[in-house]
PDB file of N, CA and C in Angstrom:
ATOM      1  N   UNK A   1       0.528   8.306 148.944  1.00  0.00           N
ATOM      2  CA  UNK A   1       0.103   7.968 150.422  1.00  0.00           C
ATOM      3  C   UNK A   1      -0.241   9.011 151.019  1.00  0.00           C
ATOM      4  N   UNK A   2      -0.940   9.204 152.137  1.00  0.00           N
ATOM      5  CA  UNK A   2      -1.380  10.016 153.201  1.00  0.00           C
ATOM      6  C   UNK A   2      -1.178   9.833 154.445  1.00  0.00           C
ATOM      7  N   UNK A   3      -1.023  11.051 155.233  1.00  0.00           N
ATOM      8  CA  UNK A   3      -0.832  10.953 156.848  1.00  0.00           C
ATOM      9  C   UNK A   3      -1.764  11.563 157.239  1.00  0.00           C
ATOM     10  N   UNK A   4      -2.355  11.217 158.483  1.00  0.00           N
ATOM     11  CA  UNK A   4      -3.298  12.078 159.039  1.00  0.00           C
ATOM     12  C   UNK A   4      -2.703  12.340 160.514  1.00  0.00           C
ATOM     13  N   UNK A   5      -2.489  13.666 160.841  1.00  0.00           N
ATOM     14  CA  UNK A   5      -1.901  14.030 162.003  1.00  0.00           C
ATOM     15  C   UNK A   5      -2.813  15.150 162.658  1.00  0.00           C
ATOM     16  N   UNK A   6      -3.472  14.708 163.916  1.00  0.00           N
ATOM     17  CA  UNK A   6      -4.445  15.256 164.630  1.00  0.00           C
ATOM     18  C   UNK A   6      -3.953  15.268 166.063  1.00  0.00           C
ATOM     19  N   UNK A   7      -4.577  15.975 166.872  1.00  0.00           N
ATOM     20  CA  UNK A   7      -4.153  16.068 168.274  1.00  0.00           C
ATOM     21  C   UNK A   7      -5.346  14.917 168.987  1.00  0.00           C
ATOM     22  N   UNK A   8      -5.797  14.434 168.465  1.00  0.00           N
ATOM     23  CA  UNK A   8      -6.574  13.332 168.981  1.00  0.00           C
ATOM     24  C   UNK A   8      -6.156  12.106 169.552  1.00  0.00           C
ATOM     25  N   UNK A   9      -4.680  11.949 169.115  1.00  0.00           N
ATOM     26  CA  UNK A   9      -3.995  10.756 169.267  1.00  0.00           C
ATOM     27  C   UNK A   9      -3.814   9.902 168.140  1.00  0.00           C
ATOM     28  N   UNK A  10      -4.282   9.812 167.100  1.00  0.00           N
ATOM     29  CA  UNK A  10      -4.361   8.930 166.129  1.00  0.00           C
ATOM     30  C   UNK A  10      -3.216   9.039 165.351  1.00  0.00           C
ATOM     31  N   UNK A  11      -2.841   8.161 164.559  1.00  0.00           N
ATOM     32  CA  UNK A  11      -1.620   8.246 163.567  1.00  0.00           C
ATOM     33  C   UNK A  11      -0.684   7.373 164.434  1.00  0.00           C
ATOM     34  N   UNK A  12       0.524   7.830 164.708  1.00  0.00           N
ATOM     35  CA  UNK A  12       1.686   7.104 165.251  1.00  0.00           C
ATOM     36  C   UNK A  12       1.584   7.497 166.770  1.00  0.00           C
ATOM     37  N   UNK A  13       1.051   6.513 167.264  1.00  0.00           N
ATOM     38  CA  UNK A  13       0.845   7.003 169.012  1.00  0.00           C
ATOM     39  C   UNK A  13       2.273   6.695 169.519  1.00  0.00           C
ATOM     40  N   UNK A  14       3.095   5.545 169.046  1.00  0.00           N
ATOM     41  CA  UNK A  14       4.452   5.091 169.583  1.00  0.00           C
ATOM     42  C   UNK A  14       5.445   6.264 169.338  1.00  0.00           C
ATOM     43  N   UNK A  15       5.390   6.845 168.220  1.00  0.00           N
ATOM     44  CA  UNK A  15       6.229   7.697 167.951  1.00  0.00           C
ATOM     45  C   UNK A  15       6.444   9.255 168.646  1.00  0.00           C
ATOM     46  N   UNK A  16       5.433   9.355 169.648  1.00  0.00           N
ATOM     47  CA  UNK A  16       5.812  10.432 170.655  1.00  0.00           C
ATOM     48  C   UNK A  16       6.842  10.178 171.485  1.00  0.00           C
ATOM     49  N   UNK A  17       7.080   9.224 171.831  1.00  0.00           N
ATOM     50  CA  UNK A  17       8.142   9.009 172.966  1.00  0.00           C
ATOM     51  C   UNK A  17       9.521   9.571 172.149  1.00  0.00           C
ATOM     52  N   UNK A  18       9.794   9.145 170.984  1.00  0.00           N
ATOM     53  CA  UNK A  18      10.749   9.773 170.309  1.00  0.00           C
ATOM     54  C   UNK A  18      10.922  11.176 169.509  1.00  0.00           C
ATOM     55  N   UNK A  19       9.763  11.844 170.050  1.00  0.00           N
ATOM     56  CA  UNK A  19       9.524  13.205 169.627  1.00  0.00           C
ATOM     57  C   UNK A  19      10.046  14.268 170.563  1.00  0.00           C
ATOM     58  N   UNK A  20      11.158  15.015 170.414  1.00  0.00           N
ATOM     59  CA  UNK A  20      11.840  15.929 171.364  1.00  0.00           C
ATOM     60  C   UNK A  20      10.747  17.279 171.348  1.00  0.00           C
ATOM     61  N   UNK A  21       9.954  17.612 172.182  1.00  0.00           N
ATOM     62  CA  UNK A  21       9.277  18.937 172.371  1.00  0.00           C
ATOM     63  C   UNK A  21      10.131  19.972 172.341  1.00  0.00           C
ATOM     64  N   UNK A  22      11.545  19.710 173.198  1.00  0.00           N
ATOM     65  CA  UNK A  22      12.328  20.806 173.554  1.00  0.00           C
ATOM     66  C   UNK A  22      13.080  21.445 172.487  1.00  0.00           C
ATOM     67  N   UNK A  23      13.103  20.531 171.382  1.00  0.00           N
ATOM     68  CA  UNK A  23      13.861  20.995 170.232  1.00  0.00           C
ATOM     69  C   UNK A  23      13.117  21.924 169.194  1.00  0.00           C
ATOM     70  N   UNK A  24      14.366  22.814 168.676  1.00  0.00           N
ATOM     71  CA  UNK A  24      13.327  23.562 167.606  1.00  0.00           C
ATOM     72  C   UNK A  24      13.025  22.876 166.494  1.00  0.00           C
ATOM     73  N   UNK A  25      12.047  23.121 165.723  1.00  0.00           N
ATOM     74  CA  UNK A  25      11.755  22.507 164.811  1.00  0.00           C
ATOM     75  C   UNK A  25      11.068  23.463 163.594  1.00  0.00           C
ATOM     76  N   UNK A  26      10.906  23.019 162.392  1.00  0.00           N
ATOM     77  CA  UNK A  26      10.273  23.671 161.060  1.00  0.00           C
ATOM     78  C   UNK A  26       9.777  23.000 160.326  1.00  0.00           C
ATOM     79  N   UNK A  27       8.861  23.393 159.442  1.00  0.00           N
ATOM     80  CA  UNK A  27       8.301  22.943 158.324  1.00  0.00           C
ATOM     81  C   UNK A  27       9.164  22.734 157.241  1.00  0.00           C
ATOM     82  N   UNK A  28       9.369  21.476 156.672  1.00  0.00           N
ATOM     83  CA  UNK A  28      10.069  21.535 155.410  1.00  0.00           C
ATOM     84  C   UNK A  28      10.161  22.267 154.621  1.00  0.00           C
ATOM     85  N   UNK A  29      11.136  22.987 153.909  1.00  0.00           N
ATOM     86  CA  UNK A  29      11.126  23.806 152.742  1.00  0.00           C
ATOM     87  C   UNK A  29      10.230  23.373 151.537  1.00  0.00           C
ATOM     88  N   UNK A  30      10.459  21.830 151.519  1.00  0.00           N
ATOM     89  CA  UNK A  30       9.480  21.490 150.082  1.00  0.00           C
ATOM     90  C   UNK A  30       8.121  21.151 150.385  1.00  0.00           C
ATOM     91  N   UNK A  31       7.758  21.795 151.421  1.00  0.00           N
ATOM     92  CA  UNK A  31       6.046  21.387 152.279  1.00  0.00           C
ATOM     93  C   UNK A  31       5.214  22.627 151.711  1.00  0.00           C
ATOM     94  N   UNK A  32       4.261  22.219 151.187  1.00  0.00           N
ATOM     95  CA  UNK A  32       3.298  23.428 150.722  1.00  0.00           C
ATOM     96  C   UNK A  32       2.051  23.298 151.660  1.00  0.00           C
ATOM     97  N   UNK A  33       1.403  24.464 152.285  1.00  0.00           N
ATOM     98  CA  UNK A  33       0.392  24.111 153.214  1.00  0.00           C
ATOM     99  C   UNK A  33      -0.714  24.683 152.821  1.00  0.00           C
ATOM    100  N   UNK A  34      -2.030  24.203 152.574  1.00  0.00           N
ATOM    101  CA  UNK A  34      -3.461  24.644 152.077  1.00  0.00           C
ATOM    102  C   UNK A  34      -4.122  24.654 153.485  1.00  0.00           C
ATOM    103  N   UNK A  35      -4.290  25.652 153.980  1.00  0.00           N
ATOM    104  CA  UNK A  35      -5.404  25.697 155.068  1.00  0.00           C
ATOM    105  C   UNK A  35      -6.806  25.301 154.409  1.00  0.00           C
ATOM    106  N   UNK A  36      -7.271  24.462 155.405  1.00  0.00           N
ATOM    107  CA  UNK A  36      -8.906  24.411 155.110  1.00  0.00           C
ATOM    108  C   UNK A  36      -9.838  24.441 156.517  1.00  0.00           C
ATOM    109  N   UNK A  37     -11.180  24.255 156.176  1.00  0.00           N
ATOM    110  CA  UNK A  37     -11.853  24.324 157.565  1.00  0.00           C
ATOM    111  C   UNK A  37     -11.503  23.744 158.545  1.00  0.00           C
ATOM    112  N   UNK A  38     -11.226  22.166 158.215  1.00  0.00           N
ATOM    113  CA  UNK A  38     -11.042  21.089 159.173  1.00  0.00           C
ATOM    114  C   UNK A  38      -9.565  21.540 159.581  1.00  0.00           C
ATOM    115  N   UNK A  39      -8.402  21.985 159.152  1.00  0.00           N
ATOM    116  CA  UNK A  39      -7.285  22.107 159.549  1.00  0.00           C
ATOM    117  C   UNK A  39      -6.465  22.250 158.260  1.00  0.00           C
ATOM    118  N   UNK A  40      -5.698  21.487 157.919  1.00  0.00           N
ATOM    119  CA  UNK A  40      -5.018  22.021 156.503  1.00  0.00           C
ATOM    120  C   UNK A  40      -4.728  20.704 155.644  1.00  0.00           C
ATOM    121  N   UNK A  41      -4.137  20.862 154.560  1.00  0.00           N
ATOM    122  CA  UNK A  41      -3.569  19.871 153.861  1.00  0.00           C
ATOM    123  C   UNK A  41      -2.135  20.265 153.594  1.00  0.00           C
ATOM    124  N   UNK A  42      -1.067  19.399 153.910  1.00  0.00           N
ATOM    125  CA  UNK A  42       0.239  19.525 153.877  1.00  0.00           C
ATOM    126  C   UNK A  42       0.769  18.391 152.493  1.00  0.00           C
ATOM    127  N   UNK A  43       1.645  18.998 151.696  1.00  0.00           N
ATOM    128  CA  UNK A  43       2.060  18.502 150.306  1.00  0.00           C
ATOM    129  C   UNK A  43       3.614  18.555 150.340  1.00  0.00           C
ATOM    130  N   UNK A  44       4.225  17.575 150.254  1.00  0.00           N
ATOM    131  CA  UNK A  44       5.538  17.350 150.304  1.00  0.00           C
ATOM    132  C   UNK A  44       6.042  17.181 148.886  1.00  0.00           C
ATOM    133  N   UNK A  45       6.602  18.109 148.279  1.00  0.00           N
ATOM    134  CA  UNK A  45       7.039  17.897 146.846  1.00  0.00           C
ATOM    135  C   UNK A  45       8.067  17.175 146.409  1.00  0.00           C
ATOM    136  N   UNK A  46       9.067  16.910 147.531  1.00  0.00           N
ATOM    137  CA  UNK A  46       9.982  15.834 147.378  1.00  0.00           C
ATOM    138  C   UNK A  46       9.502  14.511 147.672  1.00  0.00           C
ATOM    139  N   UNK A  47       8.797  14.024 148.549  1.00  0.00           N
ATOM    140  CA  UNK A  47       8.330  12.629 148.802  1.00  0.00           C
ATOM    141  C   UNK A  47       6.899  12.574 147.906  1.00  0.00           C
ATOM    142  N   UNK A  48       6.454  13.336 147.674  1.00  0.00           N
ATOM    143  CA  UNK A  48       5.163  13.476 146.947  1.00  0.00           C
ATOM    144  C   UNK A  48       4.130  12.658 147.984  1.00  0.00           C
ATOM    145  N   UNK A  49       4.390  13.069 149.425  1.00  0.00           N
ATOM    146  CA  UNK A  49       3.238  12.795 150.295  1.00  0.00           C
ATOM    147  C   UNK A  49       2.552  13.790 150.889  1.00  0.00           C
ATOM    148  N   UNK A  50       1.027  13.281 150.863  1.00  0.00           N
ATOM    149  CA  UNK A  50      -0.066  14.235 151.270  1.00  0.00           C
ATOM    150  C   UNK A  50      -0.146  14.018 153.048  1.00  0.00           C
ATOM    151  N   UNK A  51      -0.337  15.046 153.868  1.00  0.00           N
ATOM    152  CA  UNK A  51      -0.852  14.613 155.216  1.00  0.00           C
ATOM    153  C   UNK A  51      -1.716  15.746 155.434  1.00  0.00           C
ATOM    154  N   UNK A  52      -3.155  15.155 156.433  1.00  0.00           N
ATOM    155  CA  UNK A  52      -3.883  16.030 156.786  1.00  0.00           C
ATOM    156  C   UNK A  52      -3.717  16.700 158.054  1.00  0.00           C
ATOM    157  N   UNK A  53      -3.792  18.010 158.343  1.00  0.00           N
ATOM    158  CA  UNK A  53      -3.998  18.354 159.710  1.00  0.00           C
ATOM    159  C   UNK A  53      -5.173  18.496 160.244  1.00  0.00           C
ATOM    160  N   UNK A  54      -5.889  17.630 160.959  1.00  0.00           N
ATOM    161  CA  UNK A  54      -7.272  17.499 161.401  1.00  0.00           C
ATOM    162  C   UNK A  54      -7.524  18.609 162.241  1.00  0.00           C
ATOM    163  N   UNK A  55      -7.132  19.664 162.636  1.00  0.00           N
ATOM    164  CA  UNK A  55      -7.776  20.996 163.516  1.00  0.00           C
ATOM    165  C   UNK A  55      -6.725  22.239 163.053  1.00  0.00           C
ATOM    166  N   UNK A  56      -7.683  23.451 163.217  1.00  0.00           N
ATOM    167  CA  UNK A  56      -6.643  24.359 162.960  1.00  0.00           C
ATOM    168  C   UNK A  56      -5.799  24.543 164.155  1.00  0.00           C
ATOM    169  N   UNK A  57      -6.073  24.298 165.059  1.00  0.00           N
ATOM    170  CA  UNK A  57      -5.293  24.578 166.294  1.00  0.00           C
ATOM    171  C   UNK A  57      -3.600  23.683 166.050  1.00  0.00           C
ATOM    172  N   UNK A  58      -3.706  22.723 165.380  1.00  0.00           N
ATOM    173  CA  UNK A  58      -2.614  21.947 164.778  1.00  0.00           C
ATOM    174  C   UNK A  58      -1.821  22.516 163.989  1.00  0.00           C
ATOM    175  N   UNK A  59      -2.698  23.276 162.848  1.00  0.00           N
ATOM    176  CA  UNK A  59      -2.091  24.350 161.950  1.00  0.00           C
ATOM    177  C   UNK A  59      -1.546  25.350 162.730  1.00  0.00           C
ATOM    178  N   UNK A  60      -2.120  25.953 163.317  1.00  0.00           N
ATOM    179  CA  UNK A  60      -1.460  27.080 164.408  1.00  0.00           C
ATOM    180  C   UNK A  60      -0.075  26.791 164.872  1.00  0.00           C
ATOM    181  N   UNK A  61       0.150  25.618 165.208  1.00  0.00           N
ATOM    182  CA  UNK A  61       1.353  24.965 166.087  1.00  0.00           C
ATOM    183  C   UNK A  61       2.257  24.741 164.864  1.00  0.00           C
ATOM    184  N   UNK A  62       1.891  24.373 163.913  1.00  0.00           N
ATOM    185  CA  UNK A  62       2.767  23.939 162.820  1.00  0.00           C
ATOM    186  C   UNK A  62       3.261  25.383 162.127  1.00  0.00           C
ATOM    187  N   UNK A  63       2.504  26.458 161.991  1.00  0.00           N
ATOM    188  CA  UNK A  63       3.253  27.766 161.769  1.00  0.00           C
ATOM    189  C   UNK A  63       4.024  28.306 162.237  1.00  0.00           C
ATOM    190  N   UNK A  64       3.776  27.922 163.989  1.00  0.00           N
ATOM    191  CA  UNK A  64       4.703  28.848 164.630  1.00  0.00           C
ATOM    192  C   UNK A  64       5.923  28.092 165.020  1.00  0.00           C
ATOM    193  N   UNK A  65       6.159  26.806 164.547  1.00  0.00           N
ATOM    194  CA  UNK A  65       7.342  25.948 164.537  1.00  0.00           C
ATOM    195  C   UNK A  65       8.528  26.846 163.863  1.00  0.00           C
ATOM    196  N   UNK A  66       8.480  27.283 163.085  1.00  0.00           N
ATOM    197  CA  UNK A  66       9.747  28.042 162.627  1.00  0.00           C
ATOM    198  C   UNK A  66      10.423  29.400 163.543  1.00  0.00           C
ATOM    199  N   UNK A  67       9.275  29.902 164.145  1.00  0.00           N
ATOM    200  CA  UNK A  67       9.929  31.034 164.925  1.00  0.00           C
ATOM    201  C   UNK A  67      10.169  30.713 166.590  1.00  0.00           C
ATOM    202  N   UNK A  68       9.542  29.498 166.727  1.00  0.00           N
ATOM    203  CA  UNK A  68       9.459  29.336 168.259  1.00  0.00           C
ATOM    204  C   UNK A  68      10.683  28.664 168.543  1.00  0.00           C
ATOM    205  N   UNK A  69      11.164  28.806 169.857  1.00  0.00           N
ATOM    206  CA  UNK A  69      12.683  28.080 170.342  1.00  0.00           C
ATOM    207  C   UNK A  69      12.357  26.740 170.108  1.00  0.00           C
ATOM    208  N   UNK A  70      11.462  26.028 170.750  1.00  0.00           N
ATOM    209  CA  UNK A  70      10.946  24.731 170.480  1.00  0.00           C
ATOM    210  C   UNK A  70       9.572  24.546 170.125  1.00  0.00           C
ATOM    211  N   UNK A  71       9.370  23.359 170.065  1.00  0.00           N
ATOM    212  CA  UNK A  71       8.058  22.980 169.614  1.00  0.00           C
ATOM    213  C   UNK A  71       6.916  23.007 170.569  1.00  0.00           C
ATOM    214  N   UNK A  72       7.451  22.618 172.138  1.00  0.00           N
ATOM    215  CA  UNK A  72       7.037  22.854 173.593  1.00  0.00           C
ATOM    216  C   UNK A  72       6.390  24.484 173.380  1.00  0.00           C
ATOM    217  N   UNK A  73       7.428  25.359 172.774  1.00  0.00           N
ATOM    218  CA  UNK A  73       6.537  26.959 173.050  1.00  0.00           C
ATOM    219  C   UNK A  73       5.812  27.290 171.820  1.00  0.00           C
ATOM    220  N   UNK A  74       5.935  26.398 170.690  1.00  0.00           N
ATOM    221  CA  UNK A  74       5.033  26.726 169.336  1.00  0.00           C
ATOM    222  C   UNK A  74       3.726  26.414 170.060  1.00  0.00           C
ATOM    223  N   UNK A  75       3.720  25.183 170.758  1.00  0.00           N
ATOM    224  CA  UNK A  75       2.368  24.617 171.194  1.00  0.00           C
ATOM    225  C   UNK A  75       1.560  25.547 172.184  1.00  0.00           C
ATOM    226  N   UNK A  76       2.558  26.132 173.128  1.00  0.00           N
ATOM    227  CA  UNK A  76       2.097  26.943 174.248  1.00  0.00           C
ATOM    228  C   UNK A  76       1.458  28.315 173.413  1.00  0.00           C
ATOM    229  N   UNK A  77       2.336  28.836 172.357  1.00  0.00           N
ATOM    230  CA  UNK A  77       1.919  30.129 172.029  1.00  0.00           C
ATOM    231  C   UNK A  77       0.744  29.846 170.914  1.00  0.00           C
ATOM    232  N   UNK A  78       0.248  28.541 170.935  1.00  0.00           N
ATOM    233  CA  UNK A  78      -0.979  28.341 169.946  1.00  0.00           C
ATOM    234  C   UNK A  78      -1.947  28.048 170.943  1.00  0.00           C
ATOM    235  N   UNK A  79      -1.964  28.390 172.164  1.00  0.00           N
ATOM    236  CA  UNK A  79      -2.891  27.884 173.069  1.00  0.00           C
ATOM    237  C   UNK A  79      -3.225  26.572 173.497  1.00  0.00           C
ATOM    238  N   UNK A  80      -2.285  25.617 173.268  1.00  0.00           N
ATOM    239  CA  UNK A  80      -2.131  24.255 173.610  1.00  0.00           C
ATOM    240  C   UNK A  80      -2.050  24.008 175.138  1.00  0.00           C
ATOM    241  N   UNK A  81      -2.751  23.362 175.914  1.00  0.00           N
ATOM    242  CA  UNK A  81      -2.703  23.104 177.323  1.00  0.00           C
ATOM    243  C   UNK A  81      -1.755  21.954 177.872  1.00  0.00           C
ATOM    244  N   UNK A  82      -1.317  22.064 178.680  1.00  0.00           N
ATOM    245  CA  UNK A  82      -0.137  20.813 179.330  1.00  0.00           C
ATOM    246  C   UNK A  82      -1.185  19.647 179.045  1.00  0.00           C
ATOM    247  N   UNK A  83      -2.387  19.748 179.758  1.00  0.00           N
ATOM    248  CA  UNK A  83      -3.230  18.415 179.210  1.00  0.00           C
ATOM    249  C   UNK A  83      -2.985  17.894 177.743  1.00  0.00           C
ATOM    250  N   UNK A  84      -3.522  18.916 176.922  1.00  0.00           N
ATOM    251  CA  UNK A  84      -3.295  18.496 175.596  1.00  0.00           C
ATOM    252  C   UNK A  84      -1.931  17.985 174.916  1.00  0.00           C
ATOM    253  N   UNK A  85      -1.219  18.623 175.383  1.00  0.00           N
ATOM    254  CA  UNK A  85       0.340  18.436 175.195  1.00  0.00           C
ATOM    255  C   UNK A  85       0.726  17.031 174.522  1.00  0.00           C
ATOM    256  N   UNK A  86       0.459  16.016 175.090  1.00  0.00           N
ATOM    257  CA  UNK A  86       0.836  14.680 174.858  1.00  0.00           C
ATOM    258  C   UNK A  86       0.229  14.220 173.367  1.00  0.00           C
ATOM    259  N   UNK A  87      -1.121  14.687 173.300  1.00  0.00           N
ATOM    260  CA  UNK A  87      -1.944  14.511 171.941  1.00  0.00           C
ATOM    261  C   UNK A  87      -0.921  15.305 170.651  1.00  0.00           C
ATOM    262  N   UNK A  88      -0.796  16.566 171.113  1.00  0.00           N
ATOM    263  CA  UNK A  88      -0.085  17.410 170.064  1.00  0.00           C
ATOM    264  C   UNK A  88       1.676  16.729 169.542  1.00  0.00           C
ATOM    265  N   UNK A  89       1.960  16.098 170.801  1.00  0.00           N
ATOM    266  CA  UNK A  89       3.220  15.464 170.519  1.00  0.00           C
ATOM    267  C   UNK A  89       3.112  14.438 169.836  1.00  0.00           C
ATOM    268  N   UNK A  90       2.338  13.681 169.802  1.00  0.00           N
ATOM    269  CA  UNK A  90       2.174  12.485 168.948  1.00  0.00           C
ATOM    270  C   UNK A  90       1.685  13.071 167.465  1.00  0.00           C
ATOM    271  N   UNK A  91       0.758  13.813 167.203  1.00  0.00           N
ATOM    272  CA  UNK A  91       0.579  14.571 165.802  1.00  0.00           C
ATOM    273  C   UNK A  91       1.856  15.222 165.366  1.00  0.00           C
ATOM    274  N   UNK A  92       2.655  15.892 166.133  1.00  0.00           N
ATOM    275  CA  UNK A  92       4.104  16.408 165.666  1.00  0.00           C
ATOM    276  C   UNK A  92       5.011  15.259 165.040  1.00  0.00           C
ATOM    277  N   UNK A  93       5.146  14.377 165.776  1.00  0.00           N
ATOM    278  CA  UNK A  93       5.797  13.140 165.714  1.00  0.00           C
ATOM    279  C   UNK A  93       5.217  12.360 164.445  1.00  0.00           C
ATOM    280  N   UNK A  94       4.287  12.256 163.843  1.00  0.00           N
ATOM    281  CA  UNK A  94       3.530  11.597 162.810  1.00  0.00           C
ATOM    282  C   UNK A  94       3.975  12.780 161.636  1.00  0.00           C
ATOM    283  N   UNK A  95       4.028  13.757 161.966  1.00  0.00           N
ATOM    284  CA  UNK A  95       4.350  14.813 160.885  1.00  0.00           C
ATOM    285  C   UNK A  95       6.151  14.450 160.618  1.00  0.00           C
ATOM    286  N   UNK A  96       6.908  14.533 161.810  1.00  0.00           N
ATOM    287  CA  UNK A  96       8.246  14.318 161.444  1.00  0.00           C
ATOM    288  C   UNK A  96       8.585  13.122 160.988  1.00  0.00           C
ATOM    289  N   UNK A  97       7.974  11.795 161.353  1.00  0.00           N
ATOM    290  CA  UNK A  97       7.996  10.708 160.678  1.00  0.00           C
ATOM    291  C   UNK A  97       7.653  10.680 159.008  1.00  0.00           C
ATOM    292  N   UNK A  98       6.737  11.320 158.741  1.00  0.00           N
ATOM    293  CA  UNK A  98       6.585  11.764 157.301  1.00  0.00           C
ATOM    294  C   UNK A  98       7.197  12.646 156.810  1.00  0.00           C
ATOM    295  N   UNK A  99       8.341  13.138 157.324  1.00  0.00           N
ATOM    296  CA  UNK A  99       8.967  14.359 156.911  1.00  0.00           C
ATOM    297  C   UNK A  99       8.558  15.568 156.488  1.00  0.00           C
ATOM    298  N   UNK A 100       7.331  15.728 156.998  1.00  0.00           N
ATOM    299  CA  UNK A 100       6.570  17.151 156.661  1.00  0.00           C
ATOM    300  C   UNK A 100       7.353  18.353 157.652  1.00  0.00           C
ATOM    301  N   UNK A 101       7.756  17.913 158.909  1.00  0.00           N
ATOM    302  CA  UNK A 101       8.540  18.912 159.644  1.00  0.00           C
ATOM    303  C   UNK A 101       9.992  18.119 159.914  1.00  0.00           C
ATOM    304  N   UNK A 102      10.856  19.132 160.248  1.00  0.00           N
ATOM    305  CA  UNK A 102      12.094  18.625 160.438  1.00  0.00           C
ATOM    306  C   UNK A 102      12.857  19.699 161.638  1.00  0.00           C
ATOM    307  N   UNK A 103      13.799  19.025 162.383  1.00  0.00           N
ATOM    308  CA  UNK A 103      14.596  19.684 163.374  1.00  0.00           C
ATOM    309  C   UNK A 103      15.228  21.054 162.618  1.00  0.00           C
ATOM    310  N   UNK A 104      15.155  22.112 163.247  1.00  0.00           N
ATOM    311  CA  UNK A 104      15.828  23.268 162.860  1.00  0.00           C
ATOM    312  C   UNK A 104      17.099  23.247 163.207  1.00  0.00           C
ATOM    313  N   UNK A 105      18.109  23.760 162.343  1.00  0.00           N
ATOM    314  CA  UNK A 105      19.530  23.595 162.480  1.00  0.00           C
ATOM    315  C   UNK A 105      20.051  25.217 162.916  1.00  0.00           C
ATOM    316  N   UNK A 106      20.569  25.541 163.902  1.00  0.00           N
ATOM    317  CA  UNK A 106      21.007  26.764 164.047  1.00  0.00           C
ATOM    318  C   UNK A 106      22.128  27.072 163.199  1.00  0.00           C
ATOM    319  N   UNK A 107      22.309  28.208 162.680  1.00  0.00           N
ATOM    320  CA  UNK A 107      23.448  28.670 161.639  1.00  0.00           C
ATOM    321  C   UNK A 107      24.300  29.625 162.652  1.00  0.00           C
TER     322      UNK A 107
END
């Protein structure tokens, strides 16, 4: 099974409402990232799912999630504008639903 996550808003359009941009997120440790011209392929070794990131900008956001204080800040540092933010929230919600990213727990 594969999932497509892209800032065009396709994927889980209703999932955005449940995605918290102000929470800290991270790539799941069982996920491998393979950059591609179109964005990236993500493979989850635990669930055996494959996801496609349909833009290099979304890959930049995903790579920043682990260090940024929130998903919103990861988006800002990757150059995502306020107008683009809803589409990126939808893409991140899709990645959260498919277990590619998960909330980061403070130690």
